[in-house]
């Protein structure tokens, strides 16, 4: 498996499991831990993943990130927020729910 294929598989796995240990990834992909660390470093430039040390250490993907999820662009979100001001209470709640679901979380901006 080439590095690009392995990295794609790692991000897909992290999006499914949400967290994993470096040691487990190294075993699963039959590479050493240094290779996985380099992969994680490279992936963290494009994806919201991070590492933690200690008892609960490992590799984590941001809570609100899912591979392939599309978010509203900032101008789309702003327009919907402006439109919500002219709506009734029930419609406003529905539109705010849509904005929360498809709006980009602040951690991904």
PDB file of N, CA and C in Angstrom:
ATOM      1  N   UNK A   1       0.857  -1.175   0.000  1.00  0.00           N
ATOM      2  CA  UNK A   1       0.000   0.000   0.000  1.00  0.00           C
ATOM      3  C   UNK A   1       0.902   1.238   0.000  1.00  0.00           C
ATOM      4  N   UNK A   2       0.611   2.151  -0.906  1.00  0.00           N
ATOM      5  CA  UNK A   2       1.386   3.386  -0.998  1.00  0.00           C
ATOM      6  C   UNK A   2       0.949   4.367   0.085  1.00  0.00           C
ATOM      7  N   UNK A   3       1.810   5.348   0.355  1.00  0.00           N
ATOM      8  CA  UNK A   3       1.552   6.316   1.418  1.00  0.00           C
ATOM      9  C   UNK A   3       0.209   7.022   1.229  1.00  0.00           C
ATOM     10  N   UNK A   4      -0.092   7.444   0.011  1.00  0.00           N
ATOM     11  CA  UNK A   4      -1.342   8.160  -0.249  1.00  0.00           C
ATOM     12  C   UNK A   4      -2.554   7.279   0.050  1.00  0.00           C
ATOM     13  N   UNK A   5      -2.494   6.030  -0.369  1.00  0.00           N
ATOM     14  CA  UNK A   5      -3.597   5.094  -0.100  1.00  0.00           C
ATOM     15  C   UNK A   5      -3.743   4.844   1.402  1.00  0.00           C
ATOM     16  N   UNK A   6      -2.603   4.677   2.083  1.00  0.00           N
ATOM     17  CA  UNK A   6      -2.624   4.434   3.522  1.00  0.00           C
ATOM     18  C   UNK A   6      -3.215   5.636   4.254  1.00  0.00           C
ATOM     19  N   UNK A   7      -2.809   6.845   3.860  1.00  0.00           N
ATOM     20  CA  UNK A   7      -3.325   8.051   4.522  1.00  0.00           C
ATOM     21  C   UNK A   7      -4.826   8.192   4.315  1.00  0.00           C
ATOM     22  N   UNK A   8      -5.295   7.891   3.122  1.00  0.00           N
ATOM     23  CA  UNK A   8      -6.734   7.946   2.865  1.00  0.00           C
ATOM     24  C   UNK A   8      -7.456   6.925   3.739  1.00  0.00           C
ATOM     25  N   UNK A   9      -6.891   5.746   3.860  1.00  0.00           N
ATOM     26  CA  UNK A   9      -7.495   4.707   4.704  1.00  0.00           C
ATOM     27  C   UNK A   9      -7.478   5.130   6.178  1.00  0.00           C
ATOM     28  N   UNK A  10      -6.415   5.819   6.609  1.00  0.00           N
ATOM     29  CA  UNK A  10      -6.326   6.277   7.994  1.00  0.00           C
ATOM     30  C   UNK A  10      -7.412   7.303   8.292  1.00  0.00           C
ATOM     31  N   UNK A  11      -7.593   8.283   7.415  1.00  0.00           N
ATOM     32  CA  UNK A  11      -8.608   9.316   7.679  1.00  0.00           C
ATOM     33  C   UNK A  11     -10.004   8.707   7.643  1.00  0.00           C
ATOM     34  N   UNK A  12     -10.243   7.765   6.750  1.00  0.00           N
ATOM     35  CA  UNK A  12     -11.541   7.089   6.716  1.00  0.00           C
ATOM     36  C   UNK A  12     -11.777   6.306   8.009  1.00  0.00           C
ATOM     37  N   UNK A  13     -10.750   5.609   8.477  1.00  0.00           N
ATOM     38  CA  UNK A  13     -10.850   4.852   9.708  1.00  0.00           C
ATOM     39  C   UNK A  13     -11.095   5.772  10.899  1.00  0.00           C
ATOM     40  N   UNK A  14     -10.369   6.897  10.956  1.00  0.00           N
ATOM     41  CA  UNK A  14     -10.556   7.839  12.066  1.00  0.00           C
ATOM     42  C   UNK A  14     -11.954   8.447  12.058  1.00  0.00           C
ATOM     43  N   UNK A  15     -12.487   8.735  10.889  1.00  0.00           N
ATOM     44  CA  UNK A  15     -13.834   9.292  10.816  1.00  0.00           C
ATOM     45  C   UNK A  15     -14.875   8.272  11.274  1.00  0.00           C
ATOM     46  N   UNK A  16     -14.566   7.015  11.098  1.00  0.00           N
ATOM     47  CA  UNK A  16     -15.477   5.966  11.554  1.00  0.00           C
ATOM     48  C   UNK A  16     -15.335   5.708  13.053  1.00  0.00           C
ATOM     49  N   UNK A  17     -14.101   5.577  13.522  1.00  0.00           N
ATOM     50  CA  UNK A  17     -13.852   5.229  14.927  1.00  0.00           C
ATOM     51  C   UNK A  17     -13.740   6.441  15.848  1.00  0.00           C
ATOM     52  N   UNK A  18     -13.419   7.607  15.292  1.00  0.00           N
ATOM     53  CA  UNK A  18     -13.265   8.886  15.997  1.00  0.00           C
ATOM     54  C   UNK A  18     -11.946   8.995  16.760  1.00  0.00           C
ATOM     55  N   UNK A  19     -11.354   7.905  17.185  1.00  0.00           N
ATOM     56  CA  UNK A  19     -10.055   7.926  17.875  1.00  0.00           C
ATOM     57  C   UNK A  19      -9.373   6.581  17.686  1.00  0.00           C
ATOM     58  N   UNK A  20      -8.050   6.610  17.747  1.00  0.00           N
ATOM     59  CA  UNK A  20      -7.295   5.366  17.641  1.00  0.00           C
ATOM     60  C   UNK A  20      -5.895   5.598  18.180  1.00  0.00           C
ATOM     61  N   UNK A  21      -5.249   4.557  18.604  1.00  0.00           N
ATOM     62  CA  UNK A  21      -3.879   4.613  19.112  1.00  0.00           C
ATOM     63  C   UNK A  21      -2.894   4.479  17.942  1.00  0.00           C
ATOM     64  N   UNK A  22      -1.771   5.170  18.052  1.00  0.00           N
ATOM     65  CA  UNK A  22      -0.714   5.085  17.031  1.00  0.00           C
ATOM     66  C   UNK A  22      -0.265   3.633  16.862  1.00  0.00           C
ATOM     67  N   UNK A  23      -0.086   2.938  17.984  1.00  0.00           N
ATOM     68  CA  UNK A  23       0.385   1.556  17.941  1.00  0.00           C
ATOM     69  C   UNK A  23      -0.586   0.672  17.151  1.00  0.00           C
ATOM     70  N   UNK A  24      -1.885   0.873  17.374  1.00  0.00           N
ATOM     71  CA  UNK A  24      -2.893   0.069  16.670  1.00  0.00           C
ATOM     72  C   UNK A  24      -2.881   0.354  15.175  1.00  0.00           C
ATOM     73  N   UNK A  25      -2.732   1.635  14.815  1.00  0.00           N
ATOM     74  CA  UNK A  25      -2.676   1.990  13.393  1.00  0.00           C
ATOM     75  C   UNK A  25      -1.448   1.369  12.735  1.00  0.00           C
ATOM     76  N   UNK A  26      -0.318   1.423  13.422  1.00  0.00           N
ATOM     77  CA  UNK A  26       0.909   0.837  12.881  1.00  0.00           C
ATOM     78  C   UNK A  26       0.729  -0.668  12.645  1.00  0.00           C
ATOM     79  N   UNK A  27       0.129  -1.344  13.604  1.00  0.00           N
ATOM     80  CA  UNK A  27      -0.117  -2.777  13.459  1.00  0.00           C
ATOM     81  C   UNK A  27      -1.088  -3.053  12.316  1.00  0.00           C
ATOM     82  N   UNK A  28      -2.174  -2.289  12.288  1.00  0.00           N
ATOM     83  CA  UNK A  28      -3.215  -2.507  11.281  1.00  0.00           C
ATOM     84  C   UNK A  28      -2.715  -2.285   9.855  1.00  0.00           C
ATOM     85  N   UNK A  29      -1.808  -1.315   9.675  1.00  0.00           N
ATOM     86  CA  UNK A  29      -1.304  -1.006   8.342  1.00  0.00           C
ATOM     87  C   UNK A  29       0.072  -1.619   8.072  1.00  0.00           C
ATOM     88  N   UNK A  30       0.549  -2.422   8.992  1.00  0.00           N
ATOM     89  CA  UNK A  30       1.829  -3.125   8.846  1.00  0.00           C
ATOM     90  C   UNK A  30       2.993  -2.187   8.537  1.00  0.00           C
ATOM     91  N   UNK A  31       3.047  -1.094   9.288  1.00  0.00           N
ATOM     92  CA  UNK A  31       4.160  -0.143   9.184  1.00  0.00           C
ATOM     93  C   UNK A  31       4.614   0.182  10.602  1.00  0.00           C
ATOM     94  N   UNK A  32       5.728   0.894  10.727  1.00  0.00           N
ATOM     95  CA  UNK A  32       6.172   1.234  12.078  1.00  0.00           C
ATOM     96  C   UNK A  32       5.486   2.518  12.559  1.00  0.00           C
ATOM     97  N   UNK A  33       5.607   2.775  13.847  1.00  0.00           N
ATOM     98  CA  UNK A  33       4.930   3.921  14.458  1.00  0.00           C
ATOM     99  C   UNK A  33       5.419   5.253  13.901  1.00  0.00           C
ATOM    100  N   UNK A  34       6.691   5.324  13.538  1.00  0.00           N
ATOM    101  CA  UNK A  34       7.223   6.566  12.942  1.00  0.00           C
ATOM    102  C   UNK A  34       6.510   6.889  11.632  1.00  0.00           C
ATOM    103  N   UNK A  35       6.218   5.873  10.857  1.00  0.00           N
ATOM    104  CA  UNK A  35       5.500   6.072   9.593  1.00  0.00           C
ATOM    105  C   UNK A  35       4.102   6.619   9.864  1.00  0.00           C
ATOM    106  N   UNK A  36       3.425   6.055  10.845  1.00  0.00           N
ATOM    107  CA  UNK A  36       2.082   6.534  11.196  1.00  0.00           C
ATOM    108  C   UNK A  36       2.144   7.973  11.694  1.00  0.00           C
ATOM    109  N   UNK A  37       3.147   8.293  12.492  1.00  0.00           N
ATOM    110  CA  UNK A  37       3.284   9.681  12.981  1.00  0.00           C
ATOM    111  C   UNK A  37       3.477  10.655  11.817  1.00  0.00           C
ATOM    112  N   UNK A  38       4.289  10.261  10.840  1.00  0.00           N
ATOM    113  CA  UNK A  38       4.466  11.112   9.650  1.00  0.00           C
ATOM    114  C   UNK A  38       3.150  11.241   8.879  1.00  0.00           C
ATOM    115  N   UNK A  39       2.434  10.135   8.757  1.00  0.00           N
ATOM    116  CA  UNK A  39       1.134  10.168   8.081  1.00  0.00           C
ATOM    117  C   UNK A  39       0.173  11.113   8.802  1.00  0.00           C
ATOM    118  N   UNK A  40       0.123  11.024  10.124  1.00  0.00           N
ATOM    119  CA  UNK A  40      -0.768  11.879  10.922  1.00  0.00           C
ATOM    120  C   UNK A  40      -0.368  13.335  10.766  1.00  0.00           C
ATOM    121  N   UNK A  41       0.926  13.598  10.789  1.00  0.00           N
ATOM    122  CA  UNK A  41       1.401  14.975  10.614  1.00  0.00           C
ATOM    123  C   UNK A  41       0.975  15.512   9.246  1.00  0.00           C
ATOM    124  N   UNK A  42       1.108  14.709   8.228  1.00  0.00           N
ATOM    125  CA  UNK A  42       0.709  15.123   6.876  1.00  0.00           C
ATOM    126  C   UNK A  42      -0.814  15.315   6.788  1.00  0.00           C
ATOM    127  N   UNK A  43      -1.568  14.393   7.347  1.00  0.00           N
ATOM    128  CA  UNK A  43      -3.025  14.486   7.318  1.00  0.00           C
ATOM    129  C   UNK A  43      -3.534  15.698   8.089  1.00  0.00           C
ATOM    130  N   UNK A  44      -2.843  16.049   9.171  1.00  0.00           N
ATOM    131  CA  UNK A  44      -3.304  17.173  10.002  1.00  0.00           C
ATOM    132  C   UNK A  44      -3.205  18.515   9.271  1.00  0.00           C
ATOM    133  N   UNK A  45      -2.488  18.557   8.165  1.00  0.00           N
ATOM    134  CA  UNK A  45      -2.415  19.780   7.362  1.00  0.00           C
ATOM    135  C   UNK A  45      -3.703  20.005   6.567  1.00  0.00           C
ATOM    136  N   UNK A  46      -4.441  18.929   6.317  1.00  0.00           N
ATOM    137  CA  UNK A  46      -5.658  19.022   5.504  1.00  0.00           C
ATOM    138  C   UNK A  46      -6.940  18.638   6.237  1.00  0.00           C
ATOM    139  N   UNK A  47      -6.804  17.936   7.339  1.00  0.00           N
ATOM    140  CA  UNK A  47      -7.971  17.440   8.064  1.00  0.00           C
ATOM    141  C   UNK A  47      -7.885  17.856   9.535  1.00  0.00           C
ATOM    142  N   UNK A  48      -9.036  18.002  10.193  1.00  0.00           N
ATOM    143  CA  UNK A  48      -9.028  18.396  11.609  1.00  0.00           C
ATOM    144  C   UNK A  48      -8.768  17.203  12.533  1.00  0.00           C
ATOM    145  N   UNK A  49      -7.531  16.718  12.489  1.00  0.00           N
ATOM    146  CA  UNK A  49      -7.149  15.641  13.384  1.00  0.00           C
ATOM    147  C   UNK A  49      -6.035  16.142  14.292  1.00  0.00           C
ATOM    148  N   UNK A  50      -5.939  15.538  15.459  1.00  0.00           N
ATOM    149  CA  UNK A  50      -4.925  15.951  16.422  1.00  0.00           C
ATOM    150  C   UNK A  50      -4.536  14.755  17.282  1.00  0.00           C
ATOM    151  N   UNK A  51      -3.435  14.880  17.985  1.00  0.00           N
ATOM    152  CA  UNK A  51      -2.967  13.811  18.857  1.00  0.00           C
ATOM    153  C   UNK A  51      -2.957  14.296  20.301  1.00  0.00           C
ATOM    154  N   UNK A  52      -3.063  13.339  21.208  1.00  0.00           N
ATOM    155  CA  UNK A  52      -2.977  13.598  22.649  1.00  0.00           C
ATOM    156  C   UNK A  52      -2.008  12.581  23.233  1.00  0.00           C
ATOM    157  N   UNK A  53      -1.294  13.002  24.254  1.00  0.00           N
ATOM    158  CA  UNK A  53      -0.424  12.070  24.956  1.00  0.00           C
ATOM    159  C   UNK A  53      -1.052  11.718  26.299  1.00  0.00           C
ATOM    160  N   UNK A  54      -0.528  10.695  26.934  1.00  0.00           N
ATOM    161  CA  UNK A  54      -1.017  10.326  28.251  1.00  0.00           C
ATOM    162  C   UNK A  54      -1.938   9.123  28.228  1.00  0.00           C
ATOM    163  N   UNK A  55      -2.633   8.919  29.333  1.00  0.00           N
ATOM    164  CA  UNK A  55      -3.497   7.758  29.511  1.00  0.00           C
ATOM    165  C   UNK A  55      -4.542   7.624  28.409  1.00  0.00           C
ATOM    166  N   UNK A  56      -5.158   8.734  28.058  1.00  0.00           N
ATOM    167  CA  UNK A  56      -6.189   8.702  27.009  1.00  0.00           C
ATOM    168  C   UNK A  56      -5.640   9.222  25.691  1.00  0.00           C
ATOM    169  N   UNK A  57      -4.370   9.027  25.481  1.00  0.00           N
ATOM    170  CA  UNK A  57      -3.703   9.529  24.285  1.00  0.00           C
ATOM    171  C   UNK A  57      -4.080   8.759  23.041  1.00  0.00           C
ATOM    172  N   UNK A  58      -3.748   9.341  21.918  1.00  0.00           N
ATOM    173  CA  UNK A  58      -4.014   8.712  20.641  1.00  0.00           C
ATOM    174  C   UNK A  58      -4.227   9.767  19.582  1.00  0.00           C
ATOM    175  N   UNK A  59      -4.811   9.349  18.488  1.00  0.00           N
ATOM    176  CA  UNK A  59      -5.126  10.237  17.375  1.00  0.00           C
ATOM    177  C   UNK A  59      -6.630  10.435  17.372  1.00  0.00           C
ATOM    178  N   UNK A  60      -7.050  11.674  17.257  1.00  0.00           N
ATOM    179  CA  UNK A  60      -8.470  12.015  17.310  1.00  0.00           C
ATOM    180  C   UNK A  60      -8.852  12.821  16.074  1.00  0.00           C
ATOM    181  N   UNK A  61     -10.096  12.694  15.673  1.00  0.00           N
ATOM    182  CA  UNK A  61     -10.648  13.549  14.624  1.00  0.00           C
ATOM    183  C   UNK A  61     -11.627  14.496  15.329  1.00  0.00           C
ATOM    184  N   UNK A  62     -11.692  15.731  14.844  1.00  0.00           N
ATOM    185  CA  UNK A  62     -12.572  16.725  15.468  1.00  0.00           C
ATOM    186  C   UNK A  62     -13.995  16.190  15.563  1.00  0.00           C
ATOM    187  N   UNK A  63     -14.644  16.512  16.663  1.00  0.00           N
ATOM    188  CA  UNK A  63     -15.966  15.977  16.987  1.00  0.00           C
ATOM    189  C   UNK A  63     -16.990  16.171  15.866  1.00  0.00           C
ATOM    190  N   UNK A  64     -16.993  17.332  15.238  1.00  0.00           N
ATOM    191  CA  UNK A  64     -18.005  17.636  14.228  1.00  0.00           C
ATOM    192  C   UNK A  64     -17.569  17.336  12.799  1.00  0.00           C
ATOM    193  N   UNK A  65     -16.434  16.679  12.623  1.00  0.00           N
ATOM    194  CA  UNK A  65     -15.944  16.425  11.266  1.00  0.00           C
ATOM    195  C   UNK A  65     -16.301  15.011  10.822  1.00  0.00           C
ATOM    196  N   UNK A  66     -16.836  14.931   9.628  1.00  0.00           N
ATOM    197  CA  UNK A  66     -17.105  13.653   8.988  1.00  0.00           C
ATOM    198  C   UNK A  66     -16.656  13.756   7.552  1.00  0.00           C
ATOM    199  N   UNK A  67     -15.932  12.782   7.095  1.00  0.00           N
ATOM    200  CA  UNK A  67     -15.384  12.780   5.743  1.00  0.00           C
ATOM    201  C   UNK A  67     -16.501  12.892   4.717  1.00  0.00           C
ATOM    202  N   UNK A  68     -16.350  13.825   3.811  1.00  0.00           N
ATOM    203  CA  UNK A  68     -17.322  14.000   2.747  1.00  0.00           C
ATOM    204  C   UNK A  68     -18.494  14.899   3.100  1.00  0.00           C
ATOM    205  N   UNK A  69     -18.587  15.340   4.347  1.00  0.00           N
ATOM    206  CA  UNK A  69     -19.684  16.224   4.721  1.00  0.00           C
ATOM    207  C   UNK A  69     -19.449  17.592   4.103  1.00  0.00           C
ATOM    208  N   UNK A  70     -20.475  18.138   3.505  1.00  0.00           N
ATOM    209  CA  UNK A  70     -20.362  19.464   2.917  1.00  0.00           C
ATOM    210  C   UNK A  70     -21.008  20.484   3.836  1.00  0.00           C
ATOM    211  N   UNK A  71     -20.375  21.634   3.926  1.00  0.00           N
ATOM    212  CA  UNK A  71     -20.851  22.695   4.795  1.00  0.00           C
ATOM    213  C   UNK A  71     -21.312  23.889   3.973  1.00  0.00           C
ATOM    214  N   UNK A  72     -22.153  24.712   4.592  1.00  0.00           N
ATOM    215  CA  UNK A  72     -22.560  25.965   3.965  1.00  0.00           C
ATOM    216  C   UNK A  72     -21.347  26.877   3.845  1.00  0.00           C
ATOM    217  N   UNK A  73     -21.270  27.609   2.739  1.00  0.00           N
ATOM    218  CA  UNK A  73     -20.253  28.657   2.629  1.00  0.00           C
ATOM    219  C   UNK A  73     -20.685  29.803   3.534  1.00  0.00           C
ATOM    220  N   UNK A  74     -19.762  30.643   3.948  1.00  0.00           N
ATOM    221  CA  UNK A  74     -20.067  31.708   4.912  1.00  0.00           C
ATOM    222  C   UNK A  74     -21.156  32.638   4.389  1.00  0.00           C
ATOM    223  N   UNK A  75     -21.134  32.950   3.094  1.00  0.00           N
ATOM    224  CA  UNK A  75     -22.161  33.845   2.555  1.00  0.00           C
ATOM    225  C   UNK A  75     -23.536  33.179   2.531  1.00  0.00           C
ATOM    226  N   UNK A  76     -23.576  31.855   2.346  1.00  0.00           N
ATOM    227  CA  UNK A  76     -24.847  31.132   2.392  1.00  0.00           C
ATOM    228  C   UNK A  76     -25.409  31.136   3.816  1.00  0.00           C
ATOM    229  N   UNK A  77     -24.527  30.889   4.771  1.00  0.00           N
ATOM    230  CA  UNK A  77     -24.947  30.889   6.176  1.00  0.00           C
ATOM    231  C   UNK A  77     -25.459  32.268   6.580  1.00  0.00           C
ATOM    232  N   UNK A  78     -24.757  33.318   6.187  1.00  0.00           N
ATOM    233  CA  UNK A  78     -25.177  34.684   6.518  1.00  0.00           C
ATOM    234  C   UNK A  78     -26.545  35.008   5.912  1.00  0.00           C
ATOM    235  N   UNK A  79     -26.763  34.582   4.668  1.00  0.00           N
ATOM    236  CA  UNK A  79     -28.050  34.833   4.021  1.00  0.00           C
ATOM    237  C   UNK A  79     -29.175  34.131   4.770  1.00  0.00           C
ATOM    238  N   UNK A  80     -28.956  32.878   5.136  1.00  0.00           N
ATOM    239  CA  UNK A  80     -29.988  32.151   5.875  1.00  0.00           C
ATOM    240  C   UNK A  80     -30.264  32.794   7.232  1.00  0.00           C
ATOM    241  N   UNK A  81     -29.221  33.265   7.891  1.00  0.00           N
ATOM    242  CA  UNK A  81     -29.410  33.940   9.176  1.00  0.00           C
ATOM    243  C   UNK A  81     -30.209  35.232   9.010  1.00  0.00           C
ATOM    244  N   UNK A  82     -29.966  35.965   7.928  1.00  0.00           N
ATOM    245  CA  UNK A  82     -30.725  37.187   7.656  1.00  0.00           C
ATOM    246  C   UNK A  82     -32.186  36.853   7.359  1.00  0.00           C
ATOM    247  N   UNK A  83     -32.405  35.823   6.569  1.00  0.00           N
ATOM    248  CA  UNK A  83     -33.769  35.412   6.235  1.00  0.00           C
ATOM    249  C   UNK A  83     -34.537  34.956   7.472  1.00  0.00           C
ATOM    250  N   UNK A  84     -33.843  34.345   8.411  1.00  0.00           N
ATOM    251  CA  UNK A  84     -34.523  33.837   9.605  1.00  0.00           C
ATOM    252  C   UNK A  84     -35.136  34.961  10.440  1.00  0.00           C
ATOM    253  N   UNK A  85     -34.612  36.181  10.311  1.00  0.00           N
ATOM    254  CA  UNK A  85     -35.132  37.310  11.075  1.00  0.00           C
ATOM    255  C   UNK A  85     -36.567  37.665  10.672  1.00  0.00           C
ATOM    256  N   UNK A  86     -36.957  37.321   9.444  1.00  0.00           N
ATOM    257  CA  UNK A  86     -38.288  37.676   8.964  1.00  0.00           C
ATOM    258  C   UNK A  86     -39.295  36.523   9.093  1.00  0.00           C
ATOM    259  N   UNK A  87     -38.907  35.447   9.727  1.00  0.00           N
ATOM    260  CA  UNK A  87     -39.773  34.277   9.832  1.00  0.00           C
ATOM    261  C   UNK A  87     -40.483  34.218  11.183  1.00  0.00           C
ATOM    262  N   UNK A  88     -41.555  33.429  11.199  1.00  0.00           N
ATOM    263  CA  UNK A  88     -42.256  33.161  12.454  1.00  0.00           C
ATOM    264  C   UNK A  88     -41.428  32.223  13.319  1.00  0.00           C
ATOM    265  N   UNK A  89     -41.850  32.051  14.557  1.00  0.00           N
ATOM    266  CA  UNK A  89     -41.074  31.271  15.524  1.00  0.00           C
ATOM    267  C   UNK A  89     -40.782  29.841  15.065  1.00  0.00           C
ATOM    268  N   UNK A  90     -41.799  29.112  14.586  1.00  0.00           N
ATOM    269  CA  UNK A  90     -41.590  27.727  14.171  1.00  0.00           C
ATOM    270  C   UNK A  90     -40.655  27.638  12.974  1.00  0.00           C
ATOM    271  N   UNK A  91     -40.869  28.514  11.983  1.00  0.00           N
ATOM    272  CA  UNK A  91     -40.009  28.521  10.802  1.00  0.00           C
ATOM    273  C   UNK A  91     -38.585  28.937  11.159  1.00  0.00           C
ATOM    274  N   UNK A  92     -38.469  29.877  12.080  1.00  0.00           N
ATOM    275  CA  UNK A  92     -37.144  30.332  12.520  1.00  0.00           C
ATOM    276  C   UNK A  92     -36.389  29.183  13.189  1.00  0.00           C
ATOM    277  N   UNK A  93     -37.088  28.399  14.021  1.00  0.00           N
ATOM    278  CA  UNK A  93     -36.451  27.259  14.685  1.00  0.00           C
ATOM    279  C   UNK A  93     -35.983  26.228  13.661  1.00  0.00           C
ATOM    280  N   UNK A  94     -36.818  25.991  12.657  1.00  0.00           N
ATOM    281  CA  UNK A  94     -36.457  25.036  11.614  1.00  0.00           C
ATOM    282  C   UNK A  94     -35.223  25.504  10.851  1.00  0.00           C
ATOM    283  N   UNK A  95     -35.204  26.780  10.475  1.00  0.00           N
ATOM    284  CA  UNK A  95     -34.068  27.319   9.735  1.00  0.00           C
ATOM    285  C   UNK A  95     -32.798  27.321  10.588  1.00  0.00           C
ATOM    286  N   UNK A  96     -32.921  27.643  11.871  1.00  0.00           N
ATOM    287  CA  UNK A  96     -31.753  27.605  12.765  1.00  0.00           C
ATOM    288  C   UNK A  96     -31.221  26.174  12.889  1.00  0.00           C
ATOM    289  N   UNK A  97     -32.112  25.199  12.880  1.00  0.00           N
ATOM    290  CA  UNK A  97     -31.705  23.800  12.922  1.00  0.00           C
ATOM    291  C   UNK A  97     -30.902  23.432  11.672  1.00  0.00           C
ATOM    292  N   UNK A  98     -31.348  23.920  10.531  1.00  0.00           N
ATOM    293  CA  UNK A  98     -30.640  23.676   9.270  1.00  0.00           C
ATOM    294  C   UNK A  98     -29.261  24.320   9.312  1.00  0.00           C
ATOM    295  N   UNK A  99     -29.190  25.541   9.811  1.00  0.00           N
ATOM    296  CA  UNK A  99     -27.914  26.253   9.902  1.00  0.00           C
ATOM    297  C   UNK A  99     -26.958  25.507  10.828  1.00  0.00           C
ATOM    298  N   UNK A 100     -27.461  25.014  11.957  1.00  0.00           N
ATOM    299  CA  UNK A 100     -26.600  24.259  12.880  1.00  0.00           C
ATOM    300  C   UNK A 100     -26.107  22.967  12.242  1.00  0.00           C
ATOM    301  N   UNK A 101     -26.974  22.300  11.496  1.00  0.00           N
ATOM    302  CA  UNK A 101     -26.613  21.017  10.898  1.00  0.00           C
ATOM    303  C   UNK A 101     -25.600  21.168   9.771  1.00  0.00           C
ATOM    304  N   UNK A 102     -25.766  22.211   8.945  1.00  0.00           N
ATOM    305  CA  UNK A 102     -24.915  22.347   7.768  1.00  0.00           C
ATOM    306  C   UNK A 102     -23.910  23.492   7.856  1.00  0.00           C
ATOM    307  N   UNK A 103     -23.984  24.277   8.914  1.00  0.00           N
ATOM    308  CA  UNK A 103     -23.003  25.342   9.104  1.00  0.00           C
ATOM    309  C   UNK A 103     -21.675  24.771   9.550  1.00  0.00           C
ATOM    310  N   UNK A 104     -20.613  25.385   9.103  1.00  0.00           N
ATOM    311  CA  UNK A 104     -19.272  24.912   9.457  1.00  0.00           C
ATOM    312  C   UNK A 104     -19.007  25.187  10.932  1.00  0.00           C
ATOM    313  N   UNK A 105     -18.641  24.142  11.694  1.00  0.00           N
ATOM    314  CA  UNK A 105     -18.316  24.361  13.112  1.00  0.00           C
ATOM    315  C   UNK A 105     -17.144  25.330  13.237  1.00  0.00           C
ATOM    316  N   UNK A 106     -17.119  26.102  14.306  1.00  0.00           N
ATOM    317  CA  UNK A 106     -16.063  27.099  14.481  1.00  0.00           C
ATOM    318  C   UNK A 106     -14.688  26.480  14.524  1.00  0.00           C
ATOM    319  N   UNK A 107     -14.580  25.233  14.953  1.00  0.00           N
ATOM    320  CA  UNK A 107     -13.270  24.560  15.004  1.00  0.00           C
ATOM    321  C   UNK A 107     -12.735  24.228  13.616  1.00  0.00           C
ATOM    322  N   UNK A 108     -13.577  24.307  12.559  1.00  0.00           N
ATOM    323  CA  UNK A 108     -13.140  23.966  11.201  1.00  0.00           C
ATOM    324  C   UNK A 108     -12.976  25.186  10.311  1.00  0.00           C
ATOM    325  N   UNK A 109     -13.169  26.366  10.831  1.00  0.00           N
ATOM    326  CA  UNK A 109     -13.106  27.564   9.996  1.00  0.00           C
ATOM    327  C   UNK A 109     -11.696  27.904   9.629  1.00  0.00           C
TER     328      UNK A 109
END
